Amino acid sequence: MINKLYVGNLAYSLTDDSLREHFAEFGDVSSAKVMMDRETGRSKGFAFVEMGSPAAAQAAIRGMHGKTIDGRALVVN
């Protein structure tokens, strides 16, 4: 689970695919899942991204933590 990253403070417009694209520049993305509210179908504002290797996960943390996407600064750890 060392490759699984928490991504918080997401813009509600981000999708699994767009999140995967943003993280793909740091290595292979095994999965990217935006958590959705069951009742409303709206994003909860956080996601989990699983990178292909620990090195890719560390590169993604360094590159994406604090990066602004759609007006929101991401929290990645």
N, C-alpha and C. Protein backbone atom coordinates (compact mmCIF):
# COMPACT_ATOMS: atom_id res chain seq x y z
N MET A 1 0.81 -1.20 0.00
CA MET A 1 0.00 0.00 0.00
C MET A 1 0.86 1.26 0.00
N ILE A 2 2.18 1.12 -0.09
CA ILE A 2 3.05 2.28 -0.09
C ILE A 2 2.86 3.12 -1.36
N ASN A 3 2.24 2.55 -2.37
CA ASN A 3 2.02 3.24 -3.64
C ASN A 3 0.69 3.98 -3.68
N LYS A 4 -0.15 3.82 -2.66
CA LYS A 4 -1.49 4.41 -2.66
C LYS A 4 -1.44 5.78 -2.01
N LEU A 5 -1.91 6.79 -2.74
CA LEU A 5 -1.84 8.17 -2.28
C LEU A 5 -3.23 8.72 -2.01
N TYR A 6 -3.33 9.52 -0.96
CA TYR A 6 -4.55 10.28 -0.69
C TYR A 6 -4.40 11.61 -1.41
N VAL A 7 -5.44 12.03 -2.11
CA VAL A 7 -5.44 13.32 -2.80
C VAL A 7 -6.66 14.09 -2.31
N GLY A 8 -6.42 15.19 -1.61
CA GLY A 8 -7.51 15.98 -1.06
C GLY A 8 -7.60 17.37 -1.66
N ASN A 9 -8.68 18.07 -1.30
CA ASN A 9 -8.98 19.42 -1.75
C ASN A 9 -9.20 19.46 -3.26
N LEU A 10 -9.85 18.43 -3.79
CA LEU A 10 -10.12 18.36 -5.22
C LEU A 10 -11.26 19.28 -5.61
N ALA A 11 -11.15 19.83 -6.80
CA ALA A 11 -12.28 20.54 -7.39
C ALA A 11 -13.36 19.50 -7.70
N TYR A 12 -14.61 19.87 -7.53
CA TYR A 12 -15.70 18.91 -7.74
C TYR A 12 -15.82 18.48 -9.20
N SER A 13 -15.19 19.21 -10.11
CA SER A 13 -15.27 18.90 -11.54
C SER A 13 -14.31 17.79 -11.98
N LEU A 14 -13.33 17.44 -11.14
CA LEU A 14 -12.35 16.41 -11.53
C LEU A 14 -12.99 15.02 -11.56
N THR A 15 -12.61 14.27 -12.57
CA THR A 15 -13.09 12.90 -12.73
C THR A 15 -11.94 11.92 -12.53
N ASP A 16 -12.25 10.64 -12.48
CA ASP A 16 -11.22 9.61 -12.37
C ASP A 16 -10.21 9.75 -13.52
N ASP A 17 -10.72 9.92 -14.72
CA ASP A 17 -9.85 10.00 -15.90
C ASP A 17 -8.96 11.23 -15.88
N SER A 18 -9.50 12.39 -15.52
CA SER A 18 -8.68 13.60 -15.50
C SER A 18 -7.62 13.51 -14.40
N LEU A 19 -7.98 12.91 -13.28
CA LEU A 19 -7.02 12.74 -12.19
C LEU A 19 -5.89 11.80 -12.64
N ARG A 20 -6.26 10.73 -13.32
CA ARG A 20 -5.27 9.78 -13.84
C ARG A 20 -4.30 10.49 -14.80
N GLU A 21 -4.82 11.36 -15.65
CA GLU A 21 -3.98 12.10 -16.60
C GLU A 21 -2.97 13.00 -15.87
N HIS A 22 -3.42 13.69 -14.83
CA HIS A 22 -2.53 14.58 -14.08
C HIS A 22 -1.40 13.80 -13.41
N PHE A 23 -1.69 12.63 -12.87
CA PHE A 23 -0.69 11.86 -12.15
C PHE A 23 0.19 11.01 -13.08
N ALA A 24 -0.26 10.76 -14.31
CA ALA A 24 0.47 9.92 -15.24
C ALA A 24 1.83 10.49 -15.62
N GLU A 25 2.02 11.79 -15.49
CA GLU A 25 3.33 12.36 -15.84
C GLU A 25 4.43 11.93 -14.87
N PHE A 26 4.05 11.34 -13.73
CA PHE A 26 5.03 10.91 -12.73
C PHE A 26 5.27 9.40 -12.74
N GLY A 27 4.57 8.69 -13.61
CA GLY A 27 4.76 7.24 -13.71
C GLY A 27 3.44 6.55 -13.99
N ASP A 28 3.50 5.23 -13.99
CA ASP A 28 2.33 4.40 -14.26
C ASP A 28 1.30 4.56 -13.14
N VAL A 29 0.06 4.83 -13.52
CA VAL A 29 -1.04 4.95 -12.55
C VAL A 29 -1.85 3.67 -12.60
N SER A 30 -1.84 2.91 -11.50
CA SER A 30 -2.59 1.65 -11.44
C SER A 30 -4.09 1.90 -11.32
N SER A 31 -4.46 2.92 -10.52
CA SER A 31 -5.86 3.27 -10.37
C SER A 31 -5.99 4.70 -9.87
N ALA A 32 -7.10 5.31 -10.21
CA ALA A 32 -7.41 6.66 -9.74
C ALA A 32 -8.92 6.69 -9.50
N LYS A 33 -9.31 6.94 -8.26
CA LYS A 33 -10.74 6.88 -7.91
C LYS A 33 -11.14 8.09 -7.08
N VAL A 34 -12.00 8.93 -7.66
CA VAL A 34 -12.59 10.07 -6.94
C VAL A 34 -13.75 9.51 -6.12
N MET A 35 -13.77 9.82 -4.84
CA MET A 35 -14.84 9.34 -3.97
C MET A 35 -16.10 10.18 -4.21
N MET A 36 -17.21 9.47 -4.42
CA MET A 36 -18.48 10.12 -4.75
C MET A 36 -19.50 9.89 -3.63
N ASP A 37 -20.33 10.89 -3.41
CA ASP A 37 -21.43 10.77 -2.46
C ASP A 37 -22.52 9.92 -3.09
N ARG A 38 -22.94 8.88 -2.41
CA ARG A 38 -23.95 7.97 -2.97
C ARG A 38 -25.29 8.64 -3.19
N GLU A 39 -25.66 9.53 -2.30
CA GLU A 39 -26.98 10.15 -2.38
C GLU A 39 -27.08 11.20 -3.48
N THR A 40 -26.03 12.02 -3.60
CA THR A 40 -26.09 13.14 -4.54
C THR A 40 -25.36 12.85 -5.85
N GLY A 41 -24.44 11.86 -5.84
CA GLY A 41 -23.65 11.57 -7.02
C GLY A 41 -22.55 12.59 -7.25
N ARG A 42 -22.34 13.47 -6.30
CA ARG A 42 -21.34 14.53 -6.41
C ARG A 42 -20.04 14.09 -5.72
N SER A 43 -18.93 14.61 -6.23
CA SER A 43 -17.63 14.30 -5.65
C SER A 43 -17.58 14.73 -4.19
N LYS A 44 -16.87 13.95 -3.37
CA LYS A 44 -16.68 14.33 -1.96
C LYS A 44 -15.46 15.23 -1.80
N GLY A 45 -14.71 15.47 -2.88
CA GLY A 45 -13.57 16.38 -2.83
C GLY A 45 -12.26 15.71 -2.50
N PHE A 46 -12.23 14.36 -2.50
CA PHE A 46 -10.97 13.66 -2.29
C PHE A 46 -10.96 12.38 -3.12
N ALA A 47 -9.74 11.84 -3.27
CA ALA A 47 -9.58 10.65 -4.11
C ALA A 47 -8.40 9.83 -3.61
N PHE A 48 -8.26 8.65 -4.18
CA PHE A 48 -7.11 7.79 -3.94
C PHE A 48 -6.50 7.44 -5.29
N VAL A 49 -5.20 7.60 -5.39
CA VAL A 49 -4.47 7.28 -6.61
C VAL A 49 -3.41 6.25 -6.25
N GLU A 50 -3.38 5.15 -6.99
CA GLU A 50 -2.36 4.13 -6.75
C GLU A 50 -1.37 4.16 -7.90
N MET A 51 -0.12 4.41 -7.56
CA MET A 51 0.95 4.49 -8.55
C MET A 51 1.57 3.10 -8.73
N GLY A 52 2.26 2.91 -9.85
CA GLY A 52 2.84 1.62 -10.19
C GLY A 52 4.05 1.22 -9.36
N SER A 53 4.72 2.18 -8.74
CA SER A 53 5.91 1.86 -7.95
C SER A 53 6.08 2.88 -6.83
N PRO A 54 6.84 2.54 -5.79
CA PRO A 54 7.10 3.50 -4.71
C PRO A 54 7.81 4.76 -5.22
N ALA A 55 8.72 4.60 -6.19
CA ALA A 55 9.43 5.76 -6.74
C ALA A 55 8.47 6.70 -7.45
N ALA A 56 7.52 6.13 -8.20
CA ALA A 56 6.52 6.95 -8.89
C ALA A 56 5.61 7.64 -7.88
N ALA A 57 5.28 6.96 -6.79
CA ALA A 57 4.45 7.55 -5.74
C ALA A 57 5.16 8.75 -5.11
N GLN A 58 6.45 8.60 -4.81
CA GLN A 58 7.20 9.71 -4.22
C GLN A 58 7.32 10.88 -5.19
N ALA A 59 7.54 10.59 -6.46
CA ALA A 59 7.62 11.64 -7.48
C ALA A 59 6.29 12.37 -7.59
N ALA A 60 5.19 11.64 -7.52
CA ALA A 60 3.86 12.25 -7.60
C ALA A 60 3.59 13.14 -6.39
N ILE A 61 4.01 12.70 -5.21
CA ILE A 61 3.82 13.52 -4.01
C ILE A 61 4.59 14.83 -4.17
N ARG A 62 5.85 14.73 -4.58
CA ARG A 62 6.68 15.94 -4.75
C ARG A 62 6.10 16.86 -5.82
N GLY A 63 5.62 16.28 -6.91
CA GLY A 63 5.15 17.08 -8.03
C GLY A 63 3.75 17.62 -7.91
N MET A 64 2.89 16.91 -7.18
CA MET A 64 1.47 17.30 -7.15
C MET A 64 1.03 17.98 -5.87
N HIS A 65 1.73 17.77 -4.76
CA HIS A 65 1.31 18.40 -3.50
C HIS A 65 1.44 19.92 -3.63
N GLY A 66 0.34 20.60 -3.43
CA GLY A 66 0.31 22.06 -3.53
C GLY A 66 0.03 22.58 -4.92
N LYS A 67 0.00 21.70 -5.93
CA LYS A 67 -0.28 22.12 -7.30
C LYS A 67 -1.74 22.55 -7.41
N THR A 68 -1.97 23.65 -8.10
CA THR A 68 -3.34 24.15 -8.28
C THR A 68 -3.95 23.56 -9.54
N ILE A 69 -5.10 22.91 -9.35
CA ILE A 69 -5.87 22.36 -10.47
C ILE A 69 -7.30 22.85 -10.30
N ASP A 70 -7.80 23.51 -11.34
CA ASP A 70 -9.16 24.06 -11.33
C ASP A 70 -9.38 24.98 -10.12
N GLY A 71 -8.35 25.75 -9.77
CA GLY A 71 -8.47 26.73 -8.70
C GLY A 71 -8.31 26.21 -7.28
N ARG A 72 -7.94 24.94 -7.13
CA ARG A 72 -7.77 24.35 -5.80
C ARG A 72 -6.37 23.76 -5.68
N ALA A 73 -5.70 24.06 -4.56
CA ALA A 73 -4.36 23.51 -4.29
C ALA A 73 -4.51 22.11 -3.70
N LEU A 74 -3.95 21.13 -4.38
CA LEU A 74 -4.09 19.74 -3.96
C LEU A 74 -3.26 19.43 -2.70
N VAL A 75 -3.79 18.52 -1.91
CA VAL A 75 -3.06 17.94 -0.79
C VAL A 75 -2.80 16.49 -1.17
N VAL A 76 -1.53 16.12 -1.26
CA VAL A 76 -1.19 14.74 -1.67
C VAL A 76 -0.26 14.14 -0.63
N ASN A 77 -0.65 13.01 -0.07
CA ASN A 77 0.22 12.30 0.86
C ASN A 77 -0.14 10.83 0.89
